Protein backbone atom coordinates (compact mmCIF):
# COMPACT_ATOMS: atom_id res chain seq x y z
CA UNK A 1 -67.29 -12.59 44.79
CA UNK A 2 -66.20 -10.83 47.97
CA UNK A 3 -63.18 -13.16 48.26
CA UNK A 4 -62.19 -12.40 44.66
CA UNK A 5 -62.49 -8.66 45.27
CA UNK A 6 -60.37 -8.98 48.41
CA UNK A 7 -57.75 -11.02 46.54
CA UNK A 8 -57.72 -8.50 43.68
CA UNK A 9 -57.36 -5.62 46.14
CA UNK A 10 -54.49 -7.37 47.91
CA UNK A 11 -52.69 -8.07 44.63
CA UNK A 12 -53.23 -4.48 43.51
CA UNK A 13 -51.83 -3.15 46.78
CA UNK A 14 -48.85 -5.51 46.55
CA UNK A 15 -48.18 -4.43 42.98
CA UNK A 16 -48.40 -0.79 44.04
CA UNK A 17 -45.94 -1.41 46.88
CA UNK A 18 -43.51 -3.10 44.49
CA UNK A 19 -43.86 -0.19 42.04
CA UNK A 20 -43.18 2.36 44.79
CA UNK A 21 -40.15 0.37 45.96
CA UNK A 22 -38.80 0.23 42.42
CA UNK A 23 -39.28 3.98 42.08
CA UNK A 24 -37.43 4.57 45.34
CA UNK A 25 -34.61 2.27 44.28
CA UNK A 26 -34.43 4.07 40.95
CA UNK A 27 -34.27 7.44 42.67
CA UNK A 28 -31.59 6.22 45.06
CA UNK A 29 -29.59 4.72 42.21
CA UNK A 30 -29.59 8.02 40.35
CA UNK A 31 -27.54 9.53 43.17
CA UNK A 32 -25.05 6.69 43.49
CA UNK A 33 -21.37 7.11 42.69
CA UNK A 34 -20.47 5.85 39.24
CA UNK A 35 -18.18 2.98 40.13
CA UNK A 36 -17.86 1.80 36.55
CA UNK A 37 -16.28 4.95 35.10
CA UNK A 38 -14.12 6.59 37.77
CA UNK A 39 -11.75 9.47 37.08
CA UNK A 40 -8.53 8.48 38.83
CA UNK A 41 -5.83 10.93 39.87
CA UNK A 42 -2.49 9.62 41.08
CA UNK A 43 0.37 11.32 42.85
CA UNK A 44 3.95 10.37 43.73
CA UNK A 45 4.48 7.11 45.60
CA UNK A 46 4.92 7.04 49.39
CA UNK A 47 3.61 10.61 49.80
CA UNK A 48 0.19 9.83 51.32
CA UNK A 49 -1.33 11.46 48.23
CA UNK A 50 -5.07 11.63 48.87
CA UNK A 51 -4.80 11.91 52.65
CA UNK A 52 -7.10 14.93 52.31
CA UNK A 53 -9.27 15.83 49.31
CA UNK A 54 -11.76 18.53 48.39
CA UNK A 55 -13.53 19.90 45.32
CA UNK A 56 -12.92 23.49 44.27
CA UNK A 57 -14.62 25.70 41.67
CA UNK A 58 -13.23 28.98 40.36
CA UNK A 59 -14.30 30.83 37.21
CA UNK A 60 -16.38 27.83 36.09
CA UNK A 61 -13.36 25.53 36.28
CA UNK A 62 -13.61 22.50 38.55
CA UNK A 63 -10.63 21.16 40.44
CA UNK A 64 -9.82 18.42 42.88
CA UNK A 65 -7.38 19.68 45.53
CA UNK A 66 -5.33 16.92 47.15
CA UNK A 67 -3.05 16.82 50.17
CA UNK A 68 0.11 14.69 50.13
CA UNK A 69 1.59 15.31 53.60
CA UNK A 70 4.67 13.12 53.17
CA UNK A 71 5.71 14.50 49.78
CA UNK A 72 8.86 16.38 48.91
CA UNK A 73 8.11 19.79 47.43
CA UNK A 74 9.52 20.90 44.10
CA UNK A 75 9.26 24.49 45.37
CA UNK A 76 11.11 23.75 48.62
CA UNK A 77 13.80 21.27 47.62
CA UNK A 78 15.99 22.07 50.63
CA UNK A 79 13.23 21.01 53.03
CA UNK A 80 12.87 17.35 53.99
CA UNK A 81 9.42 15.92 53.18
CA UNK A 82 7.39 19.01 54.08
CA UNK A 83 4.31 17.73 52.28
CA UNK A 84 2.57 19.28 49.29
CA UNK A 85 -0.84 20.30 47.98
CA UNK A 86 -1.80 19.34 44.43
CA UNK A 87 -4.48 20.59 42.05
CA UNK A 88 -6.08 18.27 39.50
CA UNK A 89 -8.32 19.71 36.81
CA UNK A 90 -11.45 17.60 36.41
CA UNK A 91 -12.31 18.37 32.77
CA UNK A 92 -10.09 18.83 29.72
CA UNK A 93 -7.41 16.81 31.47
CA UNK A 94 -7.26 13.52 29.53
CA UNK A 95 -4.08 12.36 31.27
CA UNK A 96 -5.57 13.04 34.74
CA UNK A 97 -2.47 15.06 35.55
CA UNK A 98 -2.04 16.79 38.91
CA UNK A 99 0.40 19.62 39.56
CA UNK A 100 1.86 20.81 42.83
CA UNK A 101 0.68 24.22 44.01
CA UNK A 102 3.27 26.85 44.90
CA UNK A 103 2.21 28.23 48.29
CA UNK A 104 4.85 30.97 48.06
CA UNK A 105 6.81 29.84 51.11
CA UNK A 106 10.23 29.80 49.47
CA UNK A 107 13.02 27.24 49.68
CA UNK A 108 14.28 27.76 53.22
CA UNK A 109 14.12 24.98 55.77
CA UNK A 110 13.84 27.54 58.56
CA UNK A 111 12.10 30.91 58.59
CA UNK A 112 11.65 33.73 61.09
CA UNK A 113 8.06 34.00 62.27
CA UNK A 114 8.13 36.29 65.32
CA UNK A 115 10.21 37.66 68.19
CA UNK A 116 10.82 34.19 69.61
CA UNK A 117 9.78 32.13 66.61
CA UNK A 118 11.97 30.22 64.18
CA UNK A 119 9.94 27.89 62.01
CA UNK A 120 11.23 24.47 60.95
CA UNK A 121 9.42 22.93 57.98
CA UNK A 122 11.04 19.49 57.90
CA UNK A 123 8.33 16.81 58.06
CA UNK A 124 5.66 19.40 58.75
CA UNK A 125 2.90 17.41 56.98
CA UNK A 126 1.51 20.19 54.79
CA UNK A 127 -1.81 18.99 53.40
CA UNK A 128 -2.79 16.90 56.41
CA UNK A 129 -6.11 18.77 56.33
CA UNK A 130 -7.86 20.83 53.68
CA UNK A 131 -10.97 22.99 53.83
CA UNK A 132 -12.72 25.35 51.41
CA UNK A 133 -14.26 28.69 52.25
CA UNK A 134 -18.03 28.38 52.17
CA UNK A 135 -18.83 30.90 49.43
CA UNK A 136 -18.50 31.26 45.65
CA UNK A 137 -14.86 31.42 44.57
CA UNK A 138 -13.85 30.65 48.13
CA UNK A 139 -10.27 30.34 49.35
CA UNK A 140 -8.59 27.12 50.49
CA UNK A 141 -7.22 26.29 53.94
CA UNK A 142 -4.27 23.87 53.99
CA UNK A 143 -2.55 22.91 57.24
CA UNK A 144 0.65 21.30 58.50
CA UNK A 145 0.14 20.23 62.12
CA UNK A 146 3.76 19.08 62.61
CA UNK A 147 5.32 22.47 61.80
CA UNK A 148 7.73 23.36 64.62
CA UNK A 149 9.03 26.46 66.36
CA UNK A 150 12.71 25.72 67.08
CA UNK A 151 13.71 29.10 68.50
CA UNK A 152 14.36 27.41 71.87
CA UNK A 153 15.60 24.15 70.36
CA UNK A 154 18.40 23.78 72.93
CA UNK A 155 15.60 23.36 75.50
CA UNK A 156 12.35 22.66 73.67
CA UNK A 157 11.02 22.04 70.18
CA UNK A 158 7.46 23.35 69.95
CA UNK A 159 5.10 21.74 67.40
CA UNK A 160 2.75 24.69 67.05
CA UNK A 161 1.30 23.78 63.66
CA UNK A 162 0.94 26.03 60.61
CA UNK A 163 -1.84 26.75 58.12
CA UNK A 164 -1.93 28.52 54.75
CA UNK A 165 -4.91 30.36 53.29
CA UNK A 166 -4.60 29.84 49.53
CA UNK A 167 -6.19 32.27 47.03
CA UNK A 168 -9.24 31.06 45.11
CA UNK A 169 -7.16 31.14 41.92
CA UNK A 170 -4.94 28.40 43.43
CA UNK A 171 -1.87 30.49 42.69
CA UNK A 172 -0.06 33.40 44.28
CA UNK A 173 1.25 33.89 47.79
CA UNK A 174 -0.72 32.27 50.57
CA UNK A 175 -1.57 33.86 53.92
CA UNK A 176 0.18 32.21 56.89
CA UNK A 177 -1.64 31.35 60.11
CA UNK A 178 0.26 30.22 63.23
CA UNK A 179 -2.55 30.40 65.79
CA UNK A 180 -0.67 28.85 68.72
CA UNK A 181 2.48 30.97 68.69
CA UNK A 182 2.93 33.47 71.53
CA UNK A 183 6.03 35.57 72.22
CA UNK A 184 8.38 34.20 74.90
CA UNK A 185 6.34 31.03 75.54
CA UNK A 186 8.78 28.16 75.35
CA UNK A 187 7.72 25.17 77.47
CA UNK A 188 6.68 22.04 75.61
CA UNK A 189 3.24 20.83 76.69
CA UNK A 190 2.28 23.91 78.70
CA UNK A 191 -0.48 26.06 77.22
CA UNK A 192 0.06 25.85 73.43
CA UNK A 193 3.61 24.52 73.48
CA UNK A 194 2.57 21.25 71.81
CA UNK A 195 -0.53 22.60 70.09
CA UNK A 196 -0.33 20.97 66.63
CA UNK A 197 -2.97 23.28 65.17
CA UNK A 198 -4.49 22.27 61.87
CA UNK A 199 -4.74 18.52 62.34
CA UNK A 200 -8.37 19.28 61.48
CA UNK A 201 -9.83 22.40 59.92
CA UNK A 202 -13.00 23.94 58.54
CA UNK A 203 -13.61 27.20 56.68
CA UNK A 204 -16.93 29.07 56.83
CA UNK A 205 -17.63 32.29 54.95
CA UNK A 206 -15.69 34.27 57.56
CA UNK A 207 -14.22 31.86 60.10
CA UNK A 208 -11.12 29.68 59.91
CA UNK A 209 -11.48 26.93 62.52
CA UNK A 210 -8.46 24.82 63.46
CA UNK A 211 -8.34 21.91 65.86
CA UNK A 212 -5.35 21.92 68.23
CA UNK A 213 -5.40 18.63 70.16
CA UNK A 214 -1.93 19.04 71.70
CA UNK A 215 -2.56 22.17 73.78
CA UNK A 216 -2.50 22.01 77.59
CA UNK A 217 -0.69 18.67 77.67
CA UNK A 218 -2.96 17.17 75.01
CA UNK A 219 -6.16 18.28 76.66
CA UNK A 220 -6.66 20.10 73.37
CA UNK A 221 -8.41 23.24 72.24
CA UNK A 222 -9.91 24.96 69.20
CA UNK A 223 -8.47 28.02 67.45
CA UNK A 224 -10.83 30.30 65.50
CA UNK A 225 -9.85 33.25 63.31
CA UNK A 226 -12.26 35.70 61.66
CA UNK A 227 -10.90 36.60 58.22
CA UNK A 228 -13.16 39.65 57.88
CA UNK A 229 -12.54 41.36 61.23
CA UNK A 230 -9.03 39.93 61.76
CA UNK A 231 -10.15 38.68 65.18
CA UNK A 232 -8.98 35.61 67.11
CA UNK A 233 -11.44 33.73 69.31
CA UNK A 234 -10.11 31.62 72.17
CA UNK A 235 -11.77 28.76 73.98
CA UNK A 236 -13.03 29.51 77.47
CA UNK A 237 -11.49 26.56 79.33
CA UNK A 238 -13.25 27.39 82.62
CA UNK A 239 -16.51 25.62 81.83
CA UNK A 240 -14.93 22.57 80.21
CA UNK A 241 -14.21 19.25 81.86
CA UNK A 242 -11.69 17.51 79.55
CA UNK A 243 -8.56 16.08 81.14
CA UNK A 244 -5.07 15.64 79.79
CA UNK A 245 -4.87 13.43 76.72
CA UNK A 246 -8.48 14.13 75.71
CA UNK A 247 -7.30 15.52 72.32
CA UNK A 248 -10.04 18.14 72.01
CA UNK A 249 -9.92 19.51 68.47
CA UNK A 250 -8.99 16.23 66.81
CA UNK A 251 -12.05 16.84 64.62
CA UNK A 252 -13.85 20.16 64.08
CA UNK A 253 -16.81 21.48 62.14
CA UNK A 254 -19.22 24.41 62.16
CA UNK A 255 -22.91 24.93 61.54
CA UNK A 256 -26.19 26.51 62.56
CA UNK A 257 -26.69 24.28 65.59
CA UNK A 258 -28.43 26.77 67.89
CA UNK A 259 -29.94 29.29 65.46
CA UNK A 260 -30.31 29.75 61.68
CA UNK A 261 -28.50 33.08 62.02
CA UNK A 262 -25.61 31.94 64.22
CA UNK A 263 -22.50 29.96 63.36
CA UNK A 264 -21.54 27.54 66.13
CA UNK A 265 -18.33 25.54 66.39
CA UNK A 266 -18.24 21.82 67.20
CA UNK A 267 -15.17 19.84 68.23
CA UNK A 268 -14.46 16.24 69.11
CA UNK A 269 -12.35 15.01 72.02
CA UNK A 270 -11.95 11.29 71.22
CA UNK A 271 -10.16 10.34 74.44
CA UNK A 272 -12.18 12.45 76.87
CA UNK A 273 -13.12 10.29 79.89
CA UNK A 274 -12.10 7.23 77.90
CA UNK A 275 -15.28 7.23 75.81
CA UNK A 276 -14.92 10.48 73.87
CA UNK A 277 -17.02 13.63 73.85
CA UNK A 278 -18.33 16.20 71.38
CA UNK A 279 -18.62 19.86 72.37
CA UNK A 280 -20.51 22.73 70.74
CA UNK A 281 -19.41 26.33 71.33
CA UNK A 282 -20.87 29.72 70.54
CA UNK A 283 -18.93 32.94 70.04
CA UNK A 284 -19.31 35.51 72.81
CA UNK A 285 -17.07 38.54 72.36
CA UNK A 286 -13.65 37.04 71.71
CA UNK A 287 -14.39 33.77 73.52
CA UNK A 288 -15.79 30.38 72.58
CA UNK A 289 -18.28 29.32 75.25
CA UNK A 290 -19.58 25.77 75.63
CA UNK A 291 -23.32 25.35 75.02
CA UNK A 292 -23.60 21.58 74.63
CA UNK A 293 -21.70 18.35 75.15
CA UNK A 294 -22.40 14.70 74.43
CA UNK A 295 -20.49 11.62 75.54
CA UNK A 296 -19.76 8.38 73.76
CA UNK A 297 -20.89 5.01 75.09
CA UNK A 298 -17.94 2.79 74.21
CA UNK A 299 -14.27 2.86 75.09
CA UNK A 300 -12.48 5.13 72.63
CA UNK A 301 -10.10 3.50 70.17
CA UNK A 302 -8.11 6.36 68.64
CA UNK A 303 -5.85 4.48 66.27
CA UNK A 304 -5.60 6.78 63.26
CA UNK A 305 -2.67 9.13 63.54
CA UNK A 306 -2.10 8.65 67.27
CA UNK A 307 1.62 8.01 67.05
CA UNK A 308 2.16 11.46 65.51
CA UNK A 309 0.38 13.47 68.17
CA UNK A 310 3.25 13.47 70.65
CA UNK A 311 6.24 13.74 68.32
């Protein structure tokens, strides 16, 4: 009798375990992506359409915003392959049509942007990164890391990088951000001369965070702009250890890493010390101060995009 009771108990426990497993599988399945009925959006060929993607909601309308950094722009036909940003309505769009967004930058290949700044938009890669402001009806950040300052083109061409802050309505003039430009600075490689800001970006409720892996001879840095206070925060390089060609800022993000009430900035340096490092910074005054770093354990293999970092 005891053996039968033990066998029954074992079977009951096994059945219960199977039931729990099935429930867990069922719960997991309910969150899976529907691979059988995808909604497919397509853009022009050879434009890298889909290089960056995000979801956007405004006035109860859902959109997919897509970067195509090698596209020609219908709003800037005189510019050679500047890249484009598209919007694709998710519902009530039976043809899955996407339309290019007019960022309000006009049709000029070159544009004045400061005392010693003449912007060149050819092959700027607009849409290489996209980010959405972390609040209802948030704005969109779209960047072009290969945008160049050619004011000193007889001596140097300076790939500063350029970002646009796009209204939540996805129409109307965008706000330009050129975080690496400084008057009268003209040497390629030195300081922010080869900055390439915007290769990565993130947008919190107030902060625009742009990775700039080309600064300081590709040591890299992070550029942060507060949209509310109109304040720029610069990285305190004194307590950092990255060397040239570390590419700090190749990836960036933000979060409550140190406190629920504090926004911290994190940045990756994939070539730092050959194994890569991740840094976390907090804002102190107008500076970004390192609070944490972690190193990788394997030799870094930075293949994606590497050939464009030094052009």
